Protein backbone atom coordinates (compact mmCIF):
# COMPACT_ATOMS: atom_id res chain seq x y z
CA GLU A 1 0.00 0.00 0.00
CA THR A 2 3.01 2.27 0.41
CA TYR A 3 3.74 1.74 -3.28
CA VAL A 4 0.15 2.73 -4.09
CA ALA A 5 0.53 5.87 -1.97
CA ASP A 6 3.73 6.71 -3.85
CA ALA A 7 1.81 6.34 -7.12
CA ASP A 8 -0.98 8.59 -5.81
CA ALA A 9 1.58 11.25 -4.97
CA ARG A 10 2.91 11.41 -8.53
CA SER A 11 -0.13 12.26 -10.63
CA ASP A 12 2.20 14.39 -12.77
CA SER A 13 3.95 11.34 -14.28
CA VAL A 14 2.32 8.26 -15.78
CA PHE A 15 5.77 6.62 -15.96
CA VAL A 16 6.28 6.94 -12.20
CA GLN A 17 2.72 5.84 -11.40
CA THR A 18 3.17 2.77 -13.58
CA HIS A 19 6.41 1.91 -11.81
CA PHE A 20 4.91 2.07 -8.32
CA LEU A 21 1.65 0.33 -9.25
CA THR A 22 3.61 -2.53 -10.82
CA ASP A 23 5.70 -2.82 -7.65
CA ALA A 24 2.50 -2.86 -5.56
CA ILE A 25 0.96 -5.67 -7.62
CA GLN A 26 4.17 -7.72 -7.42
CA ALA A 27 4.39 -7.18 -3.66
CA LEU A 28 0.80 -8.39 -3.19
CA ARG A 29 1.18 -11.60 -5.23
CA PRO A 30 2.54 -13.84 -2.42
CA ILE A 31 0.00 -12.53 0.12
CA PRO A 32 -3.20 -14.65 0.42
CA GLY A 33 -6.56 -12.94 0.06
CA THR A 34 -5.29 -10.04 -2.08
CA ALA A 35 -6.73 -11.12 -5.44
CA ASP A 36 -9.43 -8.44 -5.50
CA ARG A 37 -6.95 -5.72 -4.59
CA ARG A 38 -4.55 -6.90 -7.29
CA ARG A 39 -7.33 -6.89 -9.88
CA ALA A 40 -8.31 -3.34 -8.90
CA LEU A 41 -4.71 -2.14 -9.19
CA GLN A 42 -4.28 -3.97 -12.48
CA GLY A 43 -7.36 -2.19 -13.86
CA ARG A 44 -5.93 1.15 -12.77
CA LEU A 45 -2.57 0.25 -14.32
CA ASN A 46 -4.17 -0.73 -17.63
CA ALA A 47 -6.10 2.53 -17.72
CA ILE A 48 -3.07 4.80 -17.33
CA GLN A 49 -0.55 2.84 -19.42
CA THR A 50 -2.16 4.03 -22.65
CA ARG A 51 -0.91 7.54 -21.78
CA ILE A 52 2.75 6.51 -21.50
CA PRO A 53 3.58 7.35 -25.16
CA ASP A 54 2.61 10.96 -24.40
CA GLU A 55 5.55 11.18 -21.98
CA MET A 56 8.04 9.51 -24.30
CA SER A 57 10.63 11.55 -26.16
CA SER A 58 13.34 10.76 -28.68
CA PHE A 59 17.05 11.17 -28.18
CA SER A 60 19.22 11.15 -31.29
CA GLN A 61 22.78 11.85 -32.31
CA GLU A 62 23.53 12.86 -35.86
CA THR A 63 26.34 11.13 -37.74
CA ASN A 64 27.48 12.25 -41.17
CA ILE A 65 27.74 9.08 -43.26
CA THR A 66 28.04 10.80 -46.64
CA GLU A 67 31.55 9.51 -47.15
CA LEU A 68 30.53 5.94 -46.22
CA VAL A 69 27.60 6.03 -48.65
CA GLU A 70 29.71 7.45 -51.48
CA THR A 71 32.46 4.89 -50.90
CA THR A 72 29.93 2.05 -50.90
CA GLU A 73 28.27 3.20 -54.10
CA ALA A 74 31.59 3.75 -55.86
CA ALA A 75 32.72 0.22 -54.96
CA VAL A 76 29.69 -1.45 -56.58
CA ARG A 77 28.80 0.74 -59.56
CA GLY A 78 29.35 -0.95 -62.91
CA LYS A 79 29.42 -4.46 -61.46
CA SER A 80 27.46 -7.34 -62.96
CA LEU A 81 24.15 -8.44 -61.49
CA PRO A 82 25.61 -11.51 -59.69
CA GLU A 83 28.44 -9.39 -58.27
CA LEU A 84 25.99 -6.80 -56.95
CA VAL A 85 23.71 -9.43 -55.40
CA ARG A 86 26.70 -10.96 -53.65
CA ALA A 87 27.94 -7.55 -52.53
CA LEU A 88 24.52 -6.73 -51.06
CA PHE A 89 24.11 -9.86 -49.00
CA MET A 90 27.77 -10.09 -47.97
CA CYS A 91 28.24 -6.42 -47.07
CA GLU A 92 28.56 -7.09 -43.33
CA ASN A 93 29.80 -9.74 -40.92
CA SER A 94 28.18 -10.40 -37.56
CA PRO A 95 30.29 -9.10 -34.65
CA ASP A 96 32.26 -11.59 -32.56
CA PRO A 97 30.16 -12.35 -29.44
CA ASP A 98 33.09 -12.44 -27.01
CA LYS A 99 34.61 -9.19 -28.25
CA LEU A 100 31.20 -7.50 -28.27
CA ARG A 101 30.48 -8.66 -24.72
CA ASP A 102 33.86 -7.42 -23.43
CA GLU A 103 33.39 -4.08 -25.18
CA VAL A 104 29.89 -3.58 -23.82
CA LEU A 105 30.73 -4.59 -20.25
CA GLY A 106 33.88 -2.46 -20.26
CA SER A 107 31.80 0.54 -21.22
CA ALA A 108 28.87 -0.31 -18.91
CA TYR A 109 30.87 -0.61 -15.73
CA GLY A 110 32.10 2.91 -16.30
CA SER A 111 28.56 4.23 -16.65
CA LEU A 112 26.29 5.02 -13.72
CA SER A 113 23.11 4.35 -15.75
CA ALA A 114 24.00 0.66 -16.22
CA LEU A 115 23.70 0.12 -12.46
CA PHE A 116 19.96 0.83 -12.55
CA SER A 117 17.23 -1.40 -13.95
CA THR A 118 15.70 -0.50 -17.30
CA THR A 119 12.08 -1.03 -18.33
CA VAL A 120 11.24 -1.73 -21.97
CA SER A 121 7.68 -0.81 -22.99
CA ASP A 122 5.77 -1.69 -26.15
CA SER A 123 3.93 0.82 -28.33
CA GLN A 124 0.89 0.62 -26.02
CA GLY A 125 2.91 1.40 -22.91
CA ARG A 126 2.83 -2.14 -21.53
CA THR A 127 5.97 -3.44 -19.87
CA ARG A 128 7.63 -5.98 -22.17
CA PHE A 129 10.93 -6.49 -20.40
CA ILE A 130 12.78 -5.36 -17.27
CA ALA A 131 16.57 -5.40 -17.46
CA PRO A 132 18.09 -5.53 -13.98
CA GLY A 133 21.01 -3.24 -13.26
CA LEU A 134 24.59 -4.47 -13.18
CA THR A 135 26.03 -5.46 -9.81
CA PRO A 136 29.34 -3.62 -9.27
CA ASN A 137 31.00 -6.41 -7.27
CA GLY A 138 29.23 -9.51 -8.51
CA PRO A 139 28.78 -11.43 -11.78
CA PRO A 140 26.65 -9.56 -14.34
CA ASP A 141 23.04 -10.58 -14.90
CA GLU A 142 22.89 -12.22 -18.33
CA ASN A 143 19.57 -10.58 -19.21
CA GLN A 144 21.11 -7.18 -18.54
CA VAL A 145 24.20 -8.12 -20.58
CA ARG A 146 22.05 -9.16 -23.56
CA PHE A 147 20.04 -5.96 -23.21
CA LEU A 148 23.18 -3.82 -23.20
CA ILE A 149 24.66 -5.74 -26.15
CA ASN A 150 21.49 -5.20 -28.16
CA GLN A 151 21.40 -1.49 -27.32
CA HIS A 152 25.04 -1.15 -28.33
CA ASP A 153 24.64 -3.15 -31.54
CA ARG A 154 21.61 -1.14 -32.69
CA ILE A 155 24.03 1.64 -33.69
CA ARG A 156 26.04 -0.74 -35.87
CA ARG A 157 22.91 -2.19 -37.47
CA SER A 158 21.62 1.29 -38.26
CA LEU A 159 24.91 2.26 -39.90
CA VAL A 160 24.97 -0.96 -41.92
CA VAL A 161 21.46 -0.25 -43.24
CA SER A 162 22.09 3.41 -44.05
CA GLY A 163 25.69 3.15 -45.20
CA ARG A 164 25.82 -0.19 -47.00
CA ILE A 165 22.51 -2.00 -47.56
CA ASN A 166 20.52 0.97 -48.86
CA PRO A 167 23.26 2.35 -51.17
CA ILE A 168 23.89 -1.09 -52.72
CA ARG A 169 20.16 -1.68 -53.19
CA ARG A 170 19.89 1.70 -54.88
CA VAL A 171 22.70 0.92 -57.33
CA LEU A 172 21.36 -2.58 -57.94
CA TRP A 173 17.91 -1.22 -58.77
CA GLU A 174 19.28 1.57 -60.98
CA GLU A 175 21.65 -0.57 -63.05
CA HIS A 176 19.87 -3.93 -63.31
CA SER A 177 16.46 -5.46 -63.73
CA VAL A 178 15.92 -7.64 -60.67
CA SER A 179 13.15 -10.22 -60.96
CA VAL A 180 12.00 -13.27 -59.07
CA GLU A 181 13.18 -15.49 -61.95
CA VAL A 182 16.69 -14.08 -61.69
CA LEU A 183 16.93 -14.72 -57.94
CA LEU A 184 15.31 -18.15 -58.02
CA PRO A 185 18.51 -20.08 -58.94
CA LEU A 186 20.22 -18.57 -55.91
CA MET A 187 17.51 -19.79 -53.55
CA GLN A 188 17.40 -23.20 -55.21
CA ALA A 189 21.13 -23.60 -54.54
CA SER A 190 20.89 -22.78 -50.83
CA PRO A 191 20.59 -25.65 -48.32
CA PHE A 192 19.09 -23.11 -45.89
CA VAL A 193 16.02 -22.85 -48.13
CA PRO A 194 13.77 -25.92 -47.71
CA PRO A 195 12.28 -27.60 -50.81
CA ASN A 196 9.19 -25.81 -52.13
CA HIS A 197 10.11 -22.62 -50.27
CA GLU A 198 12.38 -21.26 -53.02
CA HIS A 199 9.74 -19.01 -54.58
CA ALA A 200 8.83 -17.44 -51.24
CA PHE A 201 12.49 -16.62 -50.62
CA ALA A 202 13.00 -15.35 -54.18
CA ILE A 203 9.91 -13.14 -54.11
CA GLY A 204 10.86 -11.81 -50.68
CA ALA A 205 14.44 -11.07 -51.83
CA ALA A 206 13.15 -9.26 -54.92
CA ARG A 207 10.80 -7.14 -52.82
CA PHE A 208 13.62 -6.40 -50.39
CA ILE A 209 15.94 -5.25 -53.17
CA GLY A 210 13.14 -3.04 -54.44
CA GLY A 211 12.76 -1.41 -51.00
CA ASP A 212 9.39 -2.96 -50.14
CA GLU A 213 10.15 -3.99 -46.55
CA LEU A 214 6.50 -4.49 -45.66
CA GLU A 215 6.02 -7.33 -48.14
CA ALA A 216 9.57 -8.66 -47.76
CA ALA A 217 9.19 -8.91 -43.99
CA HIS A 218 6.01 -10.97 -44.26
CA LEU A 219 7.62 -13.31 -46.80
CA ILE A 220 11.13 -13.70 -45.38
CA LEU A 221 11.04 -13.36 -41.60
CA PRO A 222 8.57 -16.23 -40.90
CA GLN A 223 10.86 -18.53 -42.92
CA LEU A 224 13.71 -18.31 -40.39
CA GLU A 225 12.32 -20.74 -37.82
CA ASN A 226 11.45 -23.40 -40.38
CA SER A 227 14.79 -23.04 -42.16
CA LEU A 228 16.67 -23.57 -38.89
CA ARG A 229 14.67 -26.75 -38.30
CA HIS A 230 15.44 -27.78 -41.88
CA ILE A 231 19.23 -27.48 -41.60
CA LEU A 232 19.16 -29.27 -38.23
CA SER A 233 17.16 -32.06 -39.84
CA LEU A 234 19.67 -32.29 -42.72
CA SER A 235 22.39 -32.84 -40.13
CA GLY A 236 20.44 -35.63 -38.45
CA VAL A 237 18.99 -33.65 -35.52
CA GLU A 238 15.30 -34.36 -34.83
CA THR A 239 13.55 -31.24 -33.54
CA ASN A 240 10.05 -32.73 -33.21
CA ARG A 241 8.78 -34.16 -29.96
CA ILE A 242 5.85 -36.46 -29.20
CA ASN A 243 3.43 -35.26 -26.54
CA GLN A 244 1.72 -37.53 -24.01
CA ASP A 245 -1.46 -37.54 -26.11
CA GLY A 246 0.46 -38.83 -29.13
CA THR A 247 0.48 -35.57 -31.06
CA GLN A 248 3.75 -34.25 -32.49
CA GLU A 249 5.05 -30.75 -31.87
CA GLU A 250 7.74 -28.91 -33.81
CA ALA A 251 10.32 -26.90 -31.92
CA MET A 252 9.63 -23.17 -31.94
CA LEU A 253 12.43 -20.63 -32.29
CA SER A 254 12.98 -20.21 -28.55
CA ARG A 255 13.36 -23.97 -28.07
CA ILE A 256 15.66 -24.26 -31.09
CA LEU A 257 17.96 -21.63 -29.60
CA GLU A 258 17.93 -23.32 -26.17
CA ASP A 259 17.59 -27.09 -26.58
CA PHE A 260 19.36 -27.35 -29.93
CA ARG A 261 21.95 -24.62 -29.51
CA GLU A 262 24.98 -26.91 -29.60
CA PRO A 263 24.09 -28.70 -32.86
CA LEU A 264 23.11 -25.32 -34.33
CA LEU A 265 26.54 -23.94 -33.46
CA GLN A 266 28.03 -26.81 -35.45
CA LEU A 267 26.20 -25.50 -38.52
CA MET A 268 26.66 -21.74 -38.26
CA PRO A 269 28.98 -19.29 -36.48
CA SER A 270 28.15 -18.28 -32.92
CA ALA A 271 28.01 -14.66 -34.08
CA LEU A 272 25.03 -15.45 -36.33
CA VAL A 273 23.28 -17.43 -33.58
CA GLN A 274 23.64 -14.48 -31.22
CA GLU A 275 22.23 -12.07 -33.80
CA ILE A 276 19.23 -14.35 -34.36
CA GLU A 277 18.62 -14.51 -30.63
CA LEU A 278 18.94 -10.77 -30.02
CA LEU A 279 16.80 -9.72 -32.99
CA PHE A 280 14.11 -12.38 -33.04
CA ASN A 281 13.83 -14.05 -29.65
CA PHE A 282 15.11 -11.77 -26.88
CA ARG A 283 12.23 -9.81 -25.32
CA GLY A 284 14.55 -6.98 -24.36
CA GLY A 285 15.46 -6.42 -28.01
CA PRO A 286 13.31 -5.53 -31.03
CA SER A 287 11.58 -8.93 -30.65
CA ILE A 288 10.98 -9.01 -34.40
CA ARG A 289 9.37 -12.45 -34.50
CA HIS A 290 6.79 -11.68 -31.81
CA GLU A 291 5.94 -8.22 -33.15
CA LEU A 292 5.44 -9.48 -36.71
CA ALA A 293 3.65 -12.73 -35.87
CA HIS A 294 1.12 -10.98 -33.64
CA GLY A 295 0.44 -8.06 -35.99
CA LYS A 296 1.88 -5.47 -33.62
CA MET A 297 4.12 -3.67 -36.13
CA SER A 298 2.80 -0.36 -37.38
CA ASP A 299 3.25 0.57 -41.04
CA GLY A 300 6.28 2.75 -40.41
CA GLU A 301 8.08 0.14 -38.32
CA PHE A 302 8.59 -2.09 -41.36
CA TRP A 303 11.16 0.44 -42.62
CA SER A 304 12.98 0.75 -39.30
CA PRO A 305 16.69 -0.17 -39.35
CA ASP A 306 16.09 -3.24 -37.17
CA VAL A 307 13.46 -4.70 -39.51
CA THR A 308 15.49 -3.92 -42.64
CA TYR A 309 18.56 -5.48 -41.06
CA SER A 310 16.58 -8.53 -39.92
CA ILE A 311 15.31 -9.24 -43.44
CA TRP A 312 18.84 -8.78 -44.75
CA LEU A 313 20.22 -11.13 -42.08
CA VAL A 314 17.90 -14.02 -43.02
CA LEU A 315 18.81 -13.59 -46.69
CA HIS A 316 22.48 -13.29 -45.73
CA ILE A 317 22.27 -16.65 -43.92
CA ALA A 318 20.56 -18.17 -46.96
CA ILE A 319 23.29 -16.93 -49.34
CA LEU A 320 26.30 -17.86 -47.18
CA PRO A 321 26.45 -21.59 -48.07
CA THR A 322 26.12 -20.83 -51.81
CA LEU A 323 29.49 -19.04 -51.89
CA ARG A 324 31.28 -22.36 -52.26
CA HIS A 325 29.70 -22.77 -55.69
CA TRP A 326 29.35 -19.10 -56.52
CA ASP A 327 30.86 -19.16 -60.02
CA SER A 328 28.33 -21.68 -61.34
CA ILE A 329 25.46 -19.94 -59.53
CA ALA A 330 26.54 -16.55 -60.87
CA ALA A 331 26.60 -17.96 -64.42
CA HIS A 332 23.06 -19.31 -63.90
CA ILE A 333 21.86 -15.92 -62.61
CA SER A 334 23.38 -14.18 -65.64
CA ARG A 335 21.68 -16.60 -68.06
CA CYS A 336 18.33 -16.07 -66.36
CA ALA A 337 18.82 -12.29 -66.49
CA ARG A 338 19.53 -12.40 -70.24
CA HIS A 339 16.49 -14.62 -70.78
CA VAL A 340 14.21 -12.32 -68.79
CA SER A 341 15.48 -9.19 -70.55
């Protein structure tokens, strides 16, 4: 009830009221006979949370990337279609997890803000994740570490989108005719693309190159989970389980990243696995899979750097294993391009 009184005293801030009401509800949970009181406080919390976006503000720091954009465009202009496609989907490497962790923790322990917990809210003001603060003298909380890594890496992802992905897409669209038929051989050659999913990948890649993130996201991002199951199956790892009632259940993304992490790390670098986890599964990150699957993304969010980068990442993973046979694949792409034109 002290928490409730603290909330009553701060009618000037919905953020503060939400914080104290949440603490009050959590404090009441282990106490018998408080269900009605918790329901009343939950109703009050739900009523005020819709006003949280009114108190939100943006903080930005401008970075001049003109030179990066010009350098990127100059490096790819005049190249053939296969060369440009390869340049687009190989324009970045995932950061080394150990180096990224050391860099983030080294910076965090020198910052006072990292010692305090951080609340992540969704677009409706509901609490999606609470990152506990770092303990100065103890081992770091892994949820806080992942949260800090994601916050740090958002800057890199944004620069990759603005300084590499977008300029290469622009040149590719200006200098070549990119069609589904041209990209289909590439998807057919990738072991990451399951049989009978090649057209979905090719259409999604074509839309992505054309800058249509809304359609590309709906075509490409849901493929990730199934493709991970597919490559695990190709390596002899069974991801299905039989329930007590005899029905079979396929492993969802969260279970793949937990129960099948070791065999997955035998198939792809740990840097890629970490990126998949931070972007698609970690609730303290952009939580791309959840937001897309449940229809929570607004129109503008489809063109956010995180969504653009996520689409690129899935296509990047699909293209990686084709590099071993790139010359023959490139020749096939060129023949298809000539036929289409």
